[in-house]
Amino acid sequence: MPFFISISVISYIKGKFTYLFDKAYIRKYVYFCNNKIQLM
């Protein structure tokens, strides 16, 4: 049982990190696109 709990905790933490990383990446991508449009 503790093994299963640890797996769920690890997957939860991974999900949180992935979510934060995706948010930062999307923000960077949008910023990059905006700069490109301004240069054009």
PDB file of N, CA and C in Angstrom:
ATOM      1  N   MET A   1       0.825  -1.212   0.000  1.00  0.00           N
ATOM      2  CA  MET A   1       0.000   0.000   0.000  1.00  0.00           C
ATOM      3  C   MET A   1       0.867   1.275   0.000  1.00  0.00           C
ATOM      4  N   PRO A   2       1.873   1.408   0.873  1.00  0.00           N
ATOM      5  CA  PRO A   2       2.724   2.621   0.852  1.00  0.00           C
ATOM      6  C   PRO A   2       3.394   2.832  -0.496  1.00  0.00           C
ATOM      7  N   PHE A   3       3.726   1.720  -1.174  1.00  0.00           N
ATOM      8  CA  PHE A   3       4.360   1.813  -2.490  1.00  0.00           C
ATOM      9  C   PHE A   3       3.432   2.522  -3.468  1.00  0.00           C
ATOM     10  N   PHE A   4       2.162   2.137  -3.450  1.00  0.00           N
ATOM     11  CA  PHE A   4       1.166   2.747  -4.334  1.00  0.00           C
ATOM     12  C   PHE A   4       1.015   4.234  -4.023  1.00  0.00           C
ATOM     13  N   ILE A   5       0.994   4.557  -2.737  1.00  0.00           N
ATOM     14  CA  ILE A   5       0.853   5.961  -2.323  1.00  0.00           C
ATOM     15  C   ILE A   5       2.040   6.780  -2.826  1.00  0.00           C
ATOM     16  N   SER A   6       3.247   6.218  -2.694  1.00  0.00           N
ATOM     17  CA  SER A   6       4.440   6.947  -3.135  1.00  0.00           C
ATOM     18  C   SER A   6       4.399   7.176  -4.641  1.00  0.00           C
ATOM     19  N   ILE A   7       3.901   6.197  -5.388  1.00  0.00           N
ATOM     20  CA  ILE A   7       3.789   6.352  -6.849  1.00  0.00           C
ATOM     21  C   ILE A   7       2.821   7.487  -7.174  1.00  0.00           C
ATOM     22  N   SER A   8       1.681   7.525  -6.484  1.00  0.00           N
ATOM     23  CA  SER A   8       0.698   8.571  -6.757  1.00  0.00           C
ATOM     24  C   SER A   8       1.257   9.944  -6.394  1.00  0.00           C
ATOM     25  N   VAL A   9       2.030  10.007  -5.308  1.00  0.00           N
ATOM     26  CA  VAL A   9       2.642  11.282  -4.902  1.00  0.00           C
ATOM     27  C   VAL A   9       3.650  11.737  -5.948  1.00  0.00           C
ATOM     28  N   ILE A  10       4.472  10.799  -6.429  1.00  0.00           N
ATOM     29  CA  ILE A  10       5.479  11.133  -7.443  1.00  0.00           C
ATOM     30  C   ILE A  10       4.802  11.620  -8.721  1.00  0.00           C
ATOM     31  N   SER A  11       3.749  10.918  -9.136  1.00  0.00           N
ATOM     32  CA  SER A  11       3.054  11.320 -10.362  1.00  0.00           C
ATOM     33  C   SER A  11       2.400  12.686 -10.173  1.00  0.00           C
ATOM     34  N   TYR A  12       1.891  12.961  -8.967  1.00  0.00           N
ATOM     35  CA  TYR A  12       1.275  14.253  -8.676  1.00  0.00           C
ATOM     36  C   TYR A  12       2.310  15.373  -8.778  1.00  0.00           C
ATOM     37  N   ILE A  13       3.487  15.148  -8.174  1.00  0.00           N
ATOM     38  CA  ILE A  13       4.563  16.151  -8.225  1.00  0.00           C
ATOM     39  C   ILE A  13       5.021  16.359  -9.665  1.00  0.00           C
ATOM     40  N   LYS A  14       5.163  15.252 -10.404  1.00  0.00           N
ATOM     41  CA  LYS A  14       5.565  15.348 -11.813  1.00  0.00           C
ATOM     42  C   LYS A  14       4.555  16.172 -12.590  1.00  0.00           C
ATOM     43  N   GLY A  15       3.267  15.923 -12.331  1.00  0.00           N
ATOM     44  CA  GLY A  15       2.203  16.670 -13.005  1.00  0.00           C
ATOM     45  C   GLY A  15       2.300  18.153 -12.699  1.00  0.00           C
ATOM     46  N   LYS A  16       2.547  18.483 -11.432  1.00  0.00           N
ATOM     47  CA  LYS A  16       2.676  19.890 -11.033  1.00  0.00           C
ATOM     48  C   LYS A  16       3.832  20.551 -11.771  1.00  0.00           C
ATOM     49  N   PHE A  17       4.998  19.880 -11.781  1.00  0.00           N
ATOM     50  CA  PHE A  17       6.171  20.448 -12.444  1.00  0.00           C
ATOM     51  C   PHE A  17       5.921  20.607 -13.940  1.00  0.00           C
ATOM     52  N   THR A  18       5.305  19.581 -14.550  1.00  0.00           N
ATOM     53  CA  THR A  18       5.016  19.636 -15.983  1.00  0.00           C
ATOM     54  C   THR A  18       4.081  20.799 -16.274  1.00  0.00           C
ATOM     55  N   TYR A  19       3.068  20.995 -15.403  1.00  0.00           N
ATOM     56  CA  TYR A  19       2.109  22.080 -15.585  1.00  0.00           C
ATOM     57  C   TYR A  19       2.821  23.432 -15.524  1.00  0.00           C
ATOM     58  N   LEU A  20       3.674  23.609 -14.520  1.00  0.00           N
ATOM     59  CA  LEU A  20       4.401  24.876 -14.380  1.00  0.00           C
ATOM     60  C   LEU A  20       5.328  25.109 -15.564  1.00  0.00           C
ATOM     61  N   PHE A  21       6.023  24.031 -15.976  1.00  0.00           N
ATOM     62  CA  PHE A  21       6.949  24.134 -17.105  1.00  0.00           C
ATOM     63  C   PHE A  21       6.191  24.497 -18.377  1.00  0.00           C
ATOM     64  N   ASP A  22       5.029  23.833 -18.595  1.00  0.00           N
ATOM     65  CA  ASP A  22       4.225  24.115 -19.783  1.00  0.00           C
ATOM     66  C   ASP A  22       3.768  25.566 -19.772  1.00  0.00           C
ATOM     67  N   LYS A  23       3.360  26.072 -18.613  1.00  0.00           N
ATOM     68  CA  LYS A  23       2.912  27.462 -18.528  1.00  0.00           C
ATOM     69  C   LYS A  23       4.041  28.408 -18.902  1.00  0.00           C
ATOM     70  N   ALA A  24       5.228  28.161 -18.351  1.00  0.00           N
ATOM     71  CA  ALA A  24       6.381  29.017 -18.642  1.00  0.00           C
ATOM     72  C   ALA A  24       6.744  28.933 -20.118  1.00  0.00           C
ATOM     73  N   TYR A  25       6.692  27.720 -20.671  1.00  0.00           N
ATOM     74  CA  TYR A  25       7.054  27.519 -22.073  1.00  0.00           C
ATOM     75  C   TYR A  25       6.059  28.223 -22.983  1.00  0.00           C
ATOM     76  N   ILE A  26       4.767  28.102 -22.665  1.00  0.00           N
ATOM     77  CA  ILE A  26       3.738  28.750 -23.487  1.00  0.00           C
ATOM     78  C   ILE A  26       3.909  30.264 -23.425  1.00  0.00           C
ATOM     79  N   ARG A  27       4.199  30.788 -22.225  1.00  0.00           N
ATOM     80  CA  ARG A  27       4.383  32.233 -22.073  1.00  0.00           C
ATOM     81  C   ARG A  27       5.563  32.697 -22.914  1.00  0.00           C
ATOM     82  N   LYS A  28       6.665  31.927 -22.894  1.00  0.00           N
ATOM     83  CA  LYS A  28       7.847  32.265 -23.689  1.00  0.00           C
ATOM     84  C   LYS A  28       7.509  32.247 -25.166  1.00  0.00           C
ATOM     85  N   TYR A  29       6.749  31.233 -25.589  1.00  0.00           N
ATOM     86  CA  TYR A  29       6.390  31.077 -26.995  1.00  0.00           C
ATOM     87  C   TYR A  29       5.523  32.240 -27.457  1.00  0.00           C
ATOM     88  N   VAL A  30       4.551  32.621 -26.636  1.00  0.00           N
ATOM     89  CA  VAL A  30       3.673  33.747 -26.981  1.00  0.00           C
ATOM     90  C   VAL A  30       4.494  35.029 -27.082  1.00  0.00           C
ATOM     91  N   TYR A  31       5.406  35.233 -26.132  1.00  0.00           N
ATOM     92  CA  TYR A  31       6.277  36.411 -26.126  1.00  0.00           C
ATOM     93  C   TYR A  31       7.117  36.455 -27.395  1.00  0.00           C
ATOM     94  N   PHE A  32       7.660  35.297 -27.784  1.00  0.00           N
ATOM     95  CA  PHE A  32       8.477  35.182 -28.987  1.00  0.00           C
ATOM     96  C   PHE A  32       7.651  35.526 -30.223  1.00  0.00           C
ATOM     97  N   CYS A  33       6.431  35.006 -30.293  1.00  0.00           N
ATOM     98  CA  CYS A  33       5.549  35.281 -31.439  1.00  0.00           C
ATOM     99  C   CYS A  33       5.214  36.764 -31.500  1.00  0.00           C
ATOM    100  N   ASN A  34       4.941  37.375 -30.360  1.00  0.00           N
ATOM    101  CA  ASN A  34       4.626  38.798 -30.329  1.00  0.00           C
ATOM    102  C   ASN A  34       5.803  39.617 -30.845  1.00  0.00           C
ATOM    103  N   ASN A  35       7.010  39.257 -30.454  1.00  0.00           N
ATOM    104  CA  ASN A  35       8.203  39.963 -30.923  1.00  0.00           C
ATOM    105  C   ASN A  35       8.341  39.824 -32.429  1.00  0.00           C
ATOM    106  N   LYS A  36       8.099  38.622 -32.948  1.00  0.00           N
ATOM    107  CA  LYS A  36       8.190  38.392 -34.391  1.00  0.00           C
ATOM    108  C   LYS A  36       7.214  39.284 -35.137  1.00  0.00           C
ATOM    109  N   ILE A  37       5.993  39.368 -34.616  1.00  0.00           N
ATOM    110  CA  ILE A  37       4.968  40.182 -35.275  1.00  0.00           C
ATOM    111  C   ILE A  37       5.392  41.651 -35.262  1.00  0.00           C
ATOM    112  N   GLN A  38       5.959  42.108 -34.141  1.00  0.00           N
ATOM    113  CA  GLN A  38       6.398  43.501 -34.044  1.00  0.00           C
ATOM    114  C   GLN A  38       7.536  43.789 -35.016  1.00  0.00           C
ATOM    115  N   LEU A  39       8.430  42.813 -35.204  1.00  0.00           N
ATOM    116  CA  LEU A  39       9.544  43.007 -36.132  1.00  0.00           C
ATOM    117  C   LEU A  39       9.040  43.103 -37.565  1.00  0.00           C
ATOM    118  N   MET A  40       8.013  42.343 -37.881  1.00  0.00           N
ATOM    119  CA  MET A  40       7.426  42.406 -39.224  1.00  0.00           C
ATOM    120  C   MET A  40       6.715  43.744 -39.378  1.00  0.00           C
TER     121      MET A  40
END
